[in-house]
Amino acid sequence: MAWRYMFFDRLANSLPVSTPCPARFYSKSAPSYLVKVGIPEFLNGIGKGVESHAAKLETEIGDFHQLLVTRTLKLKKLGIPCKHRKLILKYTHKYRLGLWRPRAEPVKA
């Protein structure tokens, strides 16, 4: 048993300590979708039929920053279907975290 400790202790002390590889972070160049975001642009960026509620949200909510803090119950009272509410809330959360922004030009399908 003592031999094992002596062997592994010497082995551990004799191995060179290597420095870890520096982390590689790749960042893309500045995207071309930096544009003033309003409610219609935001909903068009989401797509999937959510843009049909743009007029209703603009009249009832008004400001884009109000949309970012709107809760699901208010969207439900406005008559927005569940699937669209989920998409709006998902993308508003991503937008607040800085993980997603709508593109300036819509993507051609």
Protein backbone atom coordinates (compact mmCIF):
# COMPACT_ATOMS: atom_id res chain seq x y z
CA MET A 1 0.00 0.00 0.00
CA ALA A 2 2.80 2.40 0.86
CA TRP A 3 4.48 1.64 -2.45
CA ARG A 4 1.40 2.83 -4.28
CA TYR A 5 1.42 6.19 -2.50
CA MET A 6 5.13 6.67 -3.07
CA PHE A 7 4.86 5.77 -6.74
CA PHE A 8 1.90 8.02 -7.49
CA ASP A 9 3.36 10.85 -5.42
CA ARG A 10 6.61 10.75 -7.40
CA LEU A 11 4.71 10.40 -10.67
CA ALA A 12 2.54 13.40 -9.86
CA ASN A 13 5.56 15.51 -8.91
CA SER A 14 7.59 14.51 -11.95
CA LEU A 15 4.95 15.33 -14.56
CA PRO A 16 5.33 18.76 -16.12
CA VAL A 17 2.50 21.11 -15.40
CA SER A 18 1.07 22.23 -18.68
CA THR A 19 -0.78 25.45 -19.05
CA PRO A 20 -4.31 25.03 -20.29
CA CYS A 21 -5.07 26.03 -23.85
CA PRO A 22 -6.46 29.50 -24.10
CA ALA A 23 -10.17 29.53 -24.75
CA ARG A 24 -11.11 30.35 -28.28
CA PHE A 25 -14.00 32.70 -28.70
CA TYR A 26 -15.16 33.48 -32.18
CA SER A 27 -17.37 36.44 -32.73
CA LYS A 28 -19.08 37.32 -35.91
CA SER A 29 -18.75 40.73 -37.43
CA ALA A 30 -21.43 43.29 -36.67
CA PRO A 31 -24.65 42.07 -38.28
CA SER A 32 -26.56 44.16 -40.76
CA TYR A 33 -29.80 44.06 -38.79
CA LEU A 34 -29.19 46.96 -36.46
CA VAL A 35 -32.39 48.87 -37.01
CA LYS A 36 -34.81 50.77 -34.80
CA VAL A 37 -37.13 48.13 -33.44
CA GLY A 38 -40.82 48.73 -33.00
CA ILE A 39 -43.68 46.35 -32.39
CA PRO A 40 -44.35 45.60 -36.12
CA GLU A 41 -40.65 45.00 -36.87
CA PHE A 42 -40.33 42.78 -33.81
CA LEU A 43 -43.36 40.67 -34.72
CA ASN A 44 -42.26 40.41 -38.37
CA GLY A 45 -38.89 39.19 -37.12
CA ILE A 46 -40.61 36.44 -35.15
CA GLY A 47 -42.76 35.42 -38.11
CA LYS A 48 -44.95 32.28 -37.84
CA GLY A 49 -48.18 34.27 -38.10
CA VAL A 50 -47.49 36.45 -35.08
CA GLU A 51 -47.27 39.55 -37.26
CA SER A 52 -51.06 39.44 -37.74
CA HIS A 53 -51.44 40.85 -34.21
CA ALA A 54 -49.25 43.92 -34.82
CA ALA A 55 -52.10 46.43 -35.13
CA LYS A 56 -53.87 45.10 -32.02
CA LEU A 57 -50.68 45.23 -29.93
CA GLU A 58 -49.77 48.72 -31.14
CA THR A 59 -53.15 50.15 -30.18
CA GLU A 60 -53.44 48.37 -26.83
CA ILE A 61 -49.81 48.33 -25.63
CA GLY A 62 -48.41 51.20 -27.67
CA ASP A 63 -44.72 51.23 -26.81
CA PHE A 64 -42.20 48.52 -27.68
CA HIS A 65 -40.64 48.68 -24.21
CA GLN A 66 -44.08 48.01 -22.74
CA LEU A 67 -44.28 44.88 -24.93
CA LEU A 68 -40.99 43.68 -23.44
CA VAL A 69 -42.48 43.66 -19.93
CA THR A 70 -45.99 42.51 -20.86
CA ARG A 71 -47.18 39.33 -19.16
CA THR A 72 -49.07 36.44 -20.64
CA LEU A 73 -52.37 37.33 -18.96
CA LYS A 74 -52.50 40.72 -20.68
CA LEU A 75 -51.78 39.09 -24.05
CA LYS A 76 -54.51 36.55 -23.33
CA LYS A 77 -57.00 39.34 -22.55
CA LEU A 78 -56.16 40.88 -25.93
CA GLY A 79 -57.26 37.65 -27.60
CA ILE A 80 -53.88 36.40 -28.82
CA PRO A 81 -53.79 32.59 -29.19
CA CYS A 82 -51.62 30.49 -26.87
CA LYS A 83 -49.01 29.51 -29.48
CA HIS A 84 -48.50 33.14 -30.51
CA ARG A 85 -48.32 34.28 -26.86
CA LYS A 86 -45.60 31.72 -26.23
CA LEU A 87 -43.62 32.90 -29.24
CA ILE A 88 -43.95 36.57 -28.28
CA LEU A 89 -42.87 35.91 -24.69
CA LYS A 90 -40.00 33.65 -25.77
CA TYR A 91 -38.57 36.21 -28.17
CA THR A 92 -39.09 39.17 -25.83
CA HIS A 93 -37.05 37.28 -23.23
CA LYS A 94 -34.31 36.55 -25.76
CA TYR A 95 -34.35 40.21 -26.87
CA ARG A 96 -33.97 41.45 -23.28
CA LEU A 97 -30.99 39.15 -22.77
CA GLY A 98 -29.42 40.32 -26.02
CA LEU A 99 -29.52 36.90 -27.65
CA TRP A 100 -31.83 37.80 -30.54
CA ARG A 101 -32.74 40.80 -32.66
CA PRO A 102 -35.05 41.03 -35.66
CA ARG A 103 -33.36 41.41 -39.03
CA ALA A 104 -33.71 44.58 -41.08
CA GLU A 105 -34.80 42.70 -44.18
CA PRO A 106 -37.12 39.72 -43.86
CA VAL A 107 -35.54 36.38 -44.74
CA LYS A 108 -36.63 35.10 -48.15
CA ALA A 109 -38.28 31.73 -47.81
